[in-house]
Amino acid sequence: SCAASGRTGSPTAMGWFRQGPGKERELVARIRWS
């Protein structure tokens, strides 16, 4: 779970990235808000 705070209004998008040992950061999933 991820909770966002500190800014009014909905984000354009939120997503999950991951980074394993010795690997580059990669997108796992994202969702557009609207």
All heavy atoms as atom14 arrays in JSON, in Angstrom:
{
  "sequence": "SCAASGRTGSPTAMGWFRQGPGKERELVARIRWS",
  "atom14_mask": [
    [1, 1, 1, 1, 1, 1, 0, 0, 0, 0, 0, 0, 0, 0],
    [1, 1, 1, 1, 1, 1, 0, 0, 0, 0, 0, 0, 0, 0],
    [1, 1, 1, 1, 1, 0, 0, 0, 0, 0, 0, 0, 0, 0],
    [1, 1, 1, 1, 1, 0, 0, 0, 0, 0, 0, 0, 0, 0],
    [1, 1, 1, 1, 1, 1, 0, 0, 0, 0, 0, 0, 0, 0],
    [1, 1, 1, 1, 0, 0, 0, 0, 0, 0, 0, 0, 0, 0],
    [1, 1, 1, 1, 1, 1, 1, 1, 1, 1, 1, 0, 0, 0],
    [1, 1, 1, 1, 1, 1, 1, 0, 0, 0, 0, 0, 0, 0],
    [1, 1, 1, 1, 0, 0, 0, 0, 0, 0, 0, 0, 0, 0],
    [1, 1, 1, 1, 1, 1, 0, 0, 0, 0, 0, 0, 0, 0],
    [1, 1, 1, 1, 1, 1, 1, 0, 0, 0, 0, 0, 0, 0],
    [1, 1, 1, 1, 1, 1, 1, 0, 0, 0, 0, 0, 0, 0],
    [1, 1, 1, 1, 1, 0, 0, 0, 0, 0, 0, 0, 0, 0],
    [1, 1, 1, 1, 1, 1, 1, 1, 0, 0, 0, 0, 0, 0],
    [1, 1, 1, 1, 0, 0, 0, 0, 0, 0, 0, 0, 0, 0],
    [1, 1, 1, 1, 1, 1, 1, 1, 1, 1, 1, 1, 1, 1],
    [1, 1, 1, 1, 1, 1, 1, 1, 1, 1, 1, 0, 0, 0],
    [1, 1, 1, 1, 1, 1, 1, 1, 1, 1, 1, 0, 0, 0],
    [1, 1, 1, 1, 1, 1, 1, 1, 1, 0, 0, 0, 0, 0],
    [1, 1, 1, 1, 0, 0, 0, 0, 0, 0, 0, 0, 0, 0],
    [1, 1, 1, 1, 1, 1, 1, 0, 0, 0, 0, 0, 0, 0],
    [1, 1, 1, 1, 0, 0, 0, 0, 0, 0, 0, 0, 0, 0],
    [1, 1, 1, 1, 1, 1, 1, 1, 1, 0, 0, 0, 0, 0],
    [1, 1, 1, 1, 1, 1, 1, 1, 1, 0, 0, 0, 0, 0],
    [1, 1, 1, 1, 1, 1, 1, 1, 1, 1, 1, 0, 0, 0],
    [1, 1, 1, 1, 1, 1, 1, 1, 1, 0, 0, 0, 0, 0],
    [1, 1, 1, 1, 1, 1, 1, 1, 0, 0, 0, 0, 0, 0],
    [1, 1, 1, 1, 1, 1, 1, 0, 0, 0, 0, 0, 0, 0],
    [1, 1, 1, 1, 1, 0, 0, 0, 0, 0, 0, 0, 0, 0],
    [1, 1, 1, 1, 1, 1, 1, 1, 1, 1, 1, 0, 0, 0],
    [1, 1, 1, 1, 1, 1, 1, 1, 0, 0, 0, 0, 0, 0],
    [1, 1, 1, 1, 1, 1, 1, 1, 1, 1, 1, 0, 0, 0],
    [1, 1, 1, 1, 1, 1, 1, 1, 1, 1, 1, 1, 1, 1],
    [1, 1, 1, 1, 1, 1, 0, 0, 0, 0, 0, 0, 0, 0]
  ],
  "atom14_positions": [
    [[0.83, -1.19, 0.0], [0.0, 0.0, 0.0], [0.87, 1.24, 0.0], [1.97, 1.25, 0.56], [-0.93, 0.02, 1.22], [-1.85, -1.05, 1.18], [0.0, 0.0, 0.0], [0.0, 0.0, 0.0], [0.0, 0.0, 0.0], [0.0, 0.0, 0.0], [0.0, 0.0, 0.0], [0.0, 0.0, 0.0], [0.0, 0.0, 0.0], [0.0, 0.0, 0.0]],
    [[0.37, 2.3, -0.6], [1.07, 3.58, -0.64], [0.08, 4.7, -0.39], [-0.94, 4.8, -1.09], [1.76, 3.77, -1.99], [2.58, 5.37, -2.19], [0.0, 0.0, 0.0], [0.0, 0.0, 0.0], [0.0, 0.0, 0.0], [0.0, 0.0, 0.0], [0.0, 0.0, 0.0], [0.0, 0.0, 0.0], [0.0, 0.0, 0.0], [0.0, 0.0, 0.0]],
    [[0.39, 5.53, 0.58], [-0.46, 6.67, 0.91], [0.25, 7.97, 0.54], [1.41, 8.18, 0.92], [-0.8, 6.66, 2.39], [0.0, 0.0, 0.0], [0.0, 0.0, 0.0], [0.0, 0.0, 0.0], [0.0, 0.0, 0.0], [0.0, 0.0, 0.0], [0.0, 0.0, 0.0], [0.0, 0.0, 0.0], [0.0, 0.0, 0.0], [0.0, 0.0, 0.0]],
    [[-0.44, 8.82, -0.18], [0.1, 10.12, -0.59], [-0.52, 11.23, 0.23], [-1.72, 11.21, 0.5], [-0.16, 10.36, -2.08], [0.0, 0.0, 0.0], [0.0, 0.0, 0.0], [0.0, 0.0, 0.0], [0.0, 0.0, 0.0], [0.0, 0.0, 0.0], [0.0, 0.0, 0.0], [0.0, 0.0, 0.0], [0.0, 0.0, 0.0], [0.0, 0.0, 0.0]],
    [[0.3, 12.19, 0.62], [-0.19, 13.33, 1.38], [0.63, 14.56, 1.06], [1.72, 14.48, 0.49], [-0.15, 13.04, 2.89], [1.18, 12.84, 3.33], [0.0, 0.0, 0.0], [0.0, 0.0, 0.0], [0.0, 0.0, 0.0], [0.0, 0.0, 0.0], [0.0, 0.0, 0.0], [0.0, 0.0, 0.0], [0.0, 0.0, 0.0], [0.0, 0.0, 0.0]],
    [[0.11, 15.72, 1.44], [0.85, 16.96, 1.28], [0.52, 17.79, 0.06], [1.11, 18.85, -0.14], [0.0, 0.0, 0.0], [0.0, 0.0, 0.0], [0.0, 0.0, 0.0], [0.0, 0.0, 0.0], [0.0, 0.0, 0.0], [0.0, 0.0, 0.0], [0.0, 0.0, 0.0], [0.0, 0.0, 0.0], [0.0, 0.0, 0.0], [0.0, 0.0, 0.0]],
    [[-0.42, 17.33, -0.75], [-0.8, 18.08, -1.93], [-2.28, 17.86, -2.21], [-2.77, 16.74, -2.14], [0.03, 17.69, -3.15], [-0.32, 18.49, -4.39], [0.74, 18.38, -5.45], [0.39, 19.13, -6.63], [1.2, 19.38, -7.64], [2.46, 18.93, -7.6], [0.79, 20.08, -8.68], [0.0, 0.0, 0.0], [0.0, 0.0, 0.0], [0.0, 0.0, 0.0]],
    [[-2.95, 18.94, -2.56], [-4.37, 18.86, -2.85], [-4.61, 18.33, -4.26], [-3.78, 18.48, -5.16], [-5.05, 20.22, -2.69], [-6.46, 20.09, -2.83], [-4.52, 21.2, -3.73], [0.0, 0.0, 0.0], [0.0, 0.0, 0.0], [0.0, 0.0, 0.0], [0.0, 0.0, 0.0], [0.0, 0.0, 0.0], [0.0, 0.0, 0.0], [0.0, 0.0, 0.0]],
    [[-5.74, 17.7, -4.43], [-6.11, 17.19, -5.73], [-5.54, 15.81, -6.0], [-4.61, 15.36, -5.34], [0.0, 0.0, 0.0], [0.0, 0.0, 0.0], [0.0, 0.0, 0.0], [0.0, 0.0, 0.0], [0.0, 0.0, 0.0], [0.0, 0.0, 0.0], [0.0, 0.0, 0.0], [0.0, 0.0, 0.0], [0.0, 0.0, 0.0], [0.0, 0.0, 0.0]],
    [[-6.1, 15.16, -7.0], [-5.67, 13.82, -7.37], [-4.43, 13.88, -8.25], [-4.27, 14.8, -9.06], [-6.79, 13.09, -8.1], [-7.95, 12.97, -7.31], [0.0, 0.0, 0.0], [0.0, 0.0, 0.0], [0.0, 0.0, 0.0], [0.0, 0.0, 0.0], [0.0, 0.0, 0.0], [0.0, 0.0, 0.0], [0.0, 0.0, 0.0], [0.0, 0.0, 0.0]],
    [[-3.56, 12.9, -8.12], [-2.39, 12.85, -8.99], [-2.79, 12.47, -10.41], [-3.88, 11.95, -10.64], [-1.53, 11.76, -8.35], [-2.52, 10.86, -7.68], [-3.6, 11.78, -7.17], [0.0, 0.0, 0.0], [0.0, 0.0, 0.0], [0.0, 0.0, 0.0], [0.0, 0.0, 0.0], [0.0, 0.0, 0.0], [0.0, 0.0, 0.0], [0.0, 0.0, 0.0]],
    [[-1.91, 12.74, -11.34], [-2.12, 12.28, -12.7], [-2.0, 10.76, -12.76], [-2.81, 10.09, -13.41], [-1.1, 12.91, -13.66], [-1.21, 14.34, -13.57], [-1.34, 12.47, -15.09], [0.0, 0.0, 0.0], [0.0, 0.0, 0.0], [0.0, 0.0, 0.0], [0.0, 0.0, 0.0], [0.0, 0.0, 0.0], [0.0, 0.0, 0.0], [0.0, 0.0, 0.0]],
    [[-0.99, 10.24, -12.08], [-0.78, 8.8, -12.05], [0.05, 8.43, -10.84], [0.82, 9.24, -10.32], [-0.07, 8.33, -13.33], [0.0, 0.0, 0.0], [0.0, 0.0, 0.0], [0.0, 0.0, 0.0], [0.0, 0.0, 0.0], [0.0, 0.0, 0.0], [0.0, 0.0, 0.0], [0.0, 0.0, 0.0], [0.0, 0.0, 0.0], [0.0, 0.0, 0.0]],
    [[-0.11, 7.21, -10.41], [0.75, 6.63, -9.39], [1.18, 5.25, -9.85], [0.45, 4.57, -10.58], [0.05, 6.54, -8.04], [-0.25, 7.9, -7.42], [-1.01, 7.79, -5.77], [0.37, 7.17, -4.79], [0.0, 0.0, 0.0], [0.0, 0.0, 0.0], [0.0, 0.0, 0.0], [0.0, 0.0, 0.0], [0.0, 0.0, 0.0], [0.0, 0.0, 0.0]],
    [[2.37, 4.85, -9.43], [2.89, 3.58, -9.88], [3.8, 2.92, -8.87], [4.17, 3.52, -7.85], [0.0, 0.0, 0.0], [0.0, 0.0, 0.0], [0.0, 0.0, 0.0], [0.0, 0.0, 0.0], [0.0, 0.0, 0.0], [0.0, 0.0, 0.0], [0.0, 0.0, 0.0], [0.0, 0.0, 0.0], [0.0, 0.0, 0.0], [0.0, 0.0, 0.0]],
    [[4.15, 1.7, -9.18], [5.09, 0.93, -8.39], [6.28, 0.55, -9.25], [6.11, 0.0, -10.34], [4.44, -0.35, -7.84], [3.45, -0.1, -6.76], [2.1, 0.03, -6.88], [3.73, 0.04, -5.36], [1.52, 0.24, -5.66], [2.51, 0.25, -4.7], [4.9, 0.0, -4.61], [2.43, 0.43, -3.33], [4.82, 0.18, -3.24], [3.59, 0.39, -2.62]],
    [[7.46, 0.86, -8.76], [8.71, 0.44, -9.37], [9.41, -0.52, -8.43], [9.11, -0.58, -7.24], [9.63, 1.65, -9.63], [9.16, 2.55, -10.74], [8.12, 3.44, -10.54], [9.78, 2.53, -11.97], [7.69, 4.28, -11.55], [9.37, 3.37, -13.0], [8.33, 4.24, -12.78], [0.0, 0.0, 0.0], [0.0, 0.0, 0.0], [0.0, 0.0, 0.0]],
    [[10.36, -1.27, -8.97], [11.16, -2.13, -8.11], [12.6, -2.15, -8.61], [12.88, -1.91, -9.78], [10.6, -3.55, -8.05], [10.71, -4.34, -9.35], [10.02, -5.69, -9.2], [10.11, -6.49, -10.42], [9.48, -7.65, -10.59], [8.74, -8.16, -9.62], [9.63, -8.32, -11.73], [0.0, 0.0, 0.0], [0.0, 0.0, 0.0], [0.0, 0.0, 0.0]],
    [[13.5, -2.45, -7.68], [14.9, -2.55, -8.02], [15.51, -3.71, -7.24], [15.57, -3.68, -6.01], [15.65, -1.26, -7.71], [17.09, -1.25, -8.19], [17.7, 0.13, -8.18], [17.2, 1.03, -7.51], [18.77, 0.31, -8.92], [0.0, 0.0, 0.0], [0.0, 0.0, 0.0], [0.0, 0.0, 0.0], [0.0, 0.0, 0.0], [0.0, 0.0, 0.0]],
    [[15.93, -4.73, -7.96], [16.6, -5.87, -7.36], [18.1, -5.65, -7.31], [18.62, -4.71, -7.91], [0.0, 0.0, 0.0], [0.0, 0.0, 0.0], [0.0, 0.0, 0.0], [0.0, 0.0, 0.0], [0.0, 0.0, 0.0], [0.0, 0.0, 0.0], [0.0, 0.0, 0.0], [0.0, 0.0, 0.0], [0.0, 0.0, 0.0], [0.0, 0.0, 0.0]],
    [[18.82, -6.51, -6.6], [20.27, -6.38, -6.49], [20.95, -6.39, -7.85], [20.75, -7.3, -8.64], [20.67, -7.61, -5.67], [19.42, -7.98, -4.92], [18.3, -7.67, -5.86], [0.0, 0.0, 0.0], [0.0, 0.0, 0.0], [0.0, 0.0, 0.0], [0.0, 0.0, 0.0], [0.0, 0.0, 0.0], [0.0, 0.0, 0.0], [0.0, 0.0, 0.0]],
    [[21.75, -5.36, -8.12], [22.48, -5.28, -9.37], [21.64, -5.01, -10.6], [22.14, -5.13, -11.72], [0.0, 0.0, 0.0], [0.0, 0.0, 0.0], [0.0, 0.0, 0.0], [0.0, 0.0, 0.0], [0.0, 0.0, 0.0], [0.0, 0.0, 0.0], [0.0, 0.0, 0.0], [0.0, 0.0, 0.0], [0.0, 0.0, 0.0], [0.0, 0.0, 0.0]],
    [[20.39, -4.66, -10.42], [19.5, -4.4, -11.54], [19.04, -2.94, -11.56], [19.09, -2.25, -10.55], [18.28, -5.32, -11.48], [18.6, -6.8, -11.58], [17.34, -7.64, -11.57], [17.65, -9.11, -11.73], [16.4, -9.93, -11.73], [0.0, 0.0, 0.0], [0.0, 0.0, 0.0], [0.0, 0.0, 0.0], [0.0, 0.0, 0.0], [0.0, 0.0, 0.0]],
    [[18.58, -2.52, -12.72], [18.06, -1.17, -12.85], [16.64, -1.1, -12.32], [15.92, -2.11, -12.25], [18.11, -0.71, -14.31], [17.22, -1.5, -15.23], [17.31, -1.03, -16.67], [18.22, -0.26, -16.99], [16.45, -1.43, -17.48], [0.0, 0.0, 0.0], [0.0, 0.0, 0.0], [0.0, 0.0, 0.0], [0.0, 0.0, 0.0], [0.0, 0.0, 0.0]],
    [[16.23, 0.09, -11.97], [14.87, 0.31, -11.52], [13.9, 0.1, -12.68], [14.12, 0.61, -13.77], [14.74, 1.73, -10.95], [13.4, 2.08, -10.38], [13.46, 3.44, -9.7], [14.1, 4.42, -10.56], [14.39, 5.66, -10.2], [14.11, 6.07, -8.97], [14.98, 6.49, -11.05], [0.0, 0.0, 0.0], [0.0, 0.0, 0.0], [0.0, 0.0, 0.0]],
    [[12.84, -0.65, -12.44], [11.9, -0.94, -13.5], [10.47, -0.74, -13.02], [10.15, -0.92, -11.85], [12.07, -2.38, -13.99], [11.75, -3.44, -12.96], [11.81, -4.85, -13.51], [11.95, -5.01, -14.74], [11.71, -5.8, -12.71], [0.0, 0.0, 0.0], [0.0, 0.0, 0.0], [0.0, 0.0, 0.0], [0.0, 0.0, 0.0], [0.0, 0.0, 0.0]],
    [[9.63, -0.37, -13.96], [8.22, -0.18, -13.65], [7.53, -1.53, -13.52], [7.65, -2.39, -14.39], [7.54, 0.63, -14.75], [6.04, 0.86, -14.59], [5.75, 1.74, -13.37], [5.44, 1.48, -15.85], [0.0, 0.0, 0.0], [0.0, 0.0, 0.0], [0.0, 0.0, 0.0], [0.0, 0.0, 0.0], [0.0, 0.0, 0.0], [0.0, 0.0, 0.0]],
    [[6.81, -1.7, -12.44], [6.01, -2.9, -12.22], [4.59, -2.69, -12.71], [4.04, -3.51, -13.45], [6.01, -3.3, -10.73], [5.14, -4.53, -10.51], [7.43, -3.56, -10.25], [0.0, 0.0, 0.0], [0.0, 0.0, 0.0], [0.0, 0.0, 0.0], [0.0, 0.0, 0.0], [0.0, 0.0, 0.0], [0.0, 0.0, 0.0], [0.0, 0.0, 0.0]],
    [[3.99, -1.6, -12.29], [2.63, -1.26, -12.68], [2.36, 0.21, -12.39], [2.99, 0.79, -11.51], [1.61, -2.13, -11.95], [0.0, 0.0, 0.0], [0.0, 0.0, 0.0], [0.0, 0.0, 0.0], [0.0, 0.0, 0.0], [0.0, 0.0, 0.0], [0.0, 0.0, 0.0], [0.0, 0.0, 0.0], [0.0, 0.0, 0.0], [0.0, 0.0, 0.0]],
    [[1.44, 0.8, -13.14], [1.02, 2.16, -12.86], [-0.45, 2.32, -13.21], [-1.0, 1.55, -13.99], [1.89, 3.19, -13.6], [1.63, 3.23, -15.11], [0.77, 4.44, -15.48], [0.59, 4.51, -16.93], [-0.42, 3.96, -17.6], [-1.38, 3.3, -16.95], [-0.48, 4.07, -18.91], [0.0, 0.0, 0.0], [0.0, 0.0, 0.0], [0.0, 0.0, 0.0]],
    [[-1.08, 3.32, -12.63], [-2.48, 3.56, -12.9], [-2.73, 5.05, -13.08], [-2.23, 5.87, -12.31], [-3.37, 2.97, -11.77], [-4.85, 3.06, -12.14], [-3.1, 3.63, -10.43], [-5.73, 2.17, -11.28], [0.0, 0.0, 0.0], [0.0, 0.0, 0.0], [0.0, 0.0, 0.0], [0.0, 0.0, 0.0], [0.0, 0.0, 0.0], [0.0, 0.0, 0.0]],
    [[-3.45, 5.39, -14.11], [-3.88, 6.77, -14.34], [-5.11, 7.05, -13.49], [-6.02, 6.22, -13.41], [-4.2, 7.01, -15.81], [-2.99, 7.06, -16.73], [-3.42, 7.36, -18.16], [-2.29, 7.62, -19.03], [-1.72, 8.8, -19.19], [-2.19, 9.86, -18.54], [-0.69, 8.94, -20.0], [0.0, 0.0, 0.0], [0.0, 0.0, 0.0], [0.0, 0.0, 0.0]],
    [[-5.11, 8.23, -12.85], [-6.17, 8.49, -11.89], [-7.53, 8.74, -12.52], [-8.53, 8.19, -12.09], [-5.78, 9.66, -10.99], [-5.99, 9.31, -9.56], [-6.98, 9.73, -8.75], [-5.19, 8.4, -8.8], [-6.86, 9.16, -7.52], [-5.76, 8.34, -7.51], [-4.04, 7.65, -9.08], [-5.23, 7.54, -6.5], [-3.52, 6.86, -8.07], [-4.11, 6.82, -6.81]],
    [[-7.57, 9.58, -13.53], [-8.86, 9.97, -14.1], [-9.58, 8.81, -14.76], [-10.78, 8.62, -14.56], [-8.66, 11.1, -15.11], [-8.2, 12.28, -14.47], [0.0, 0.0, 0.0], [0.0, 0.0, 0.0], [0.0, 0.0, 0.0], [0.0, 0.0, 0.0], [0.0, 0.0, 0.0], [0.0, 0.0, 0.0], [0.0, 0.0, 0.0], [0.0, 0.0, 0.0]]
  ]
}
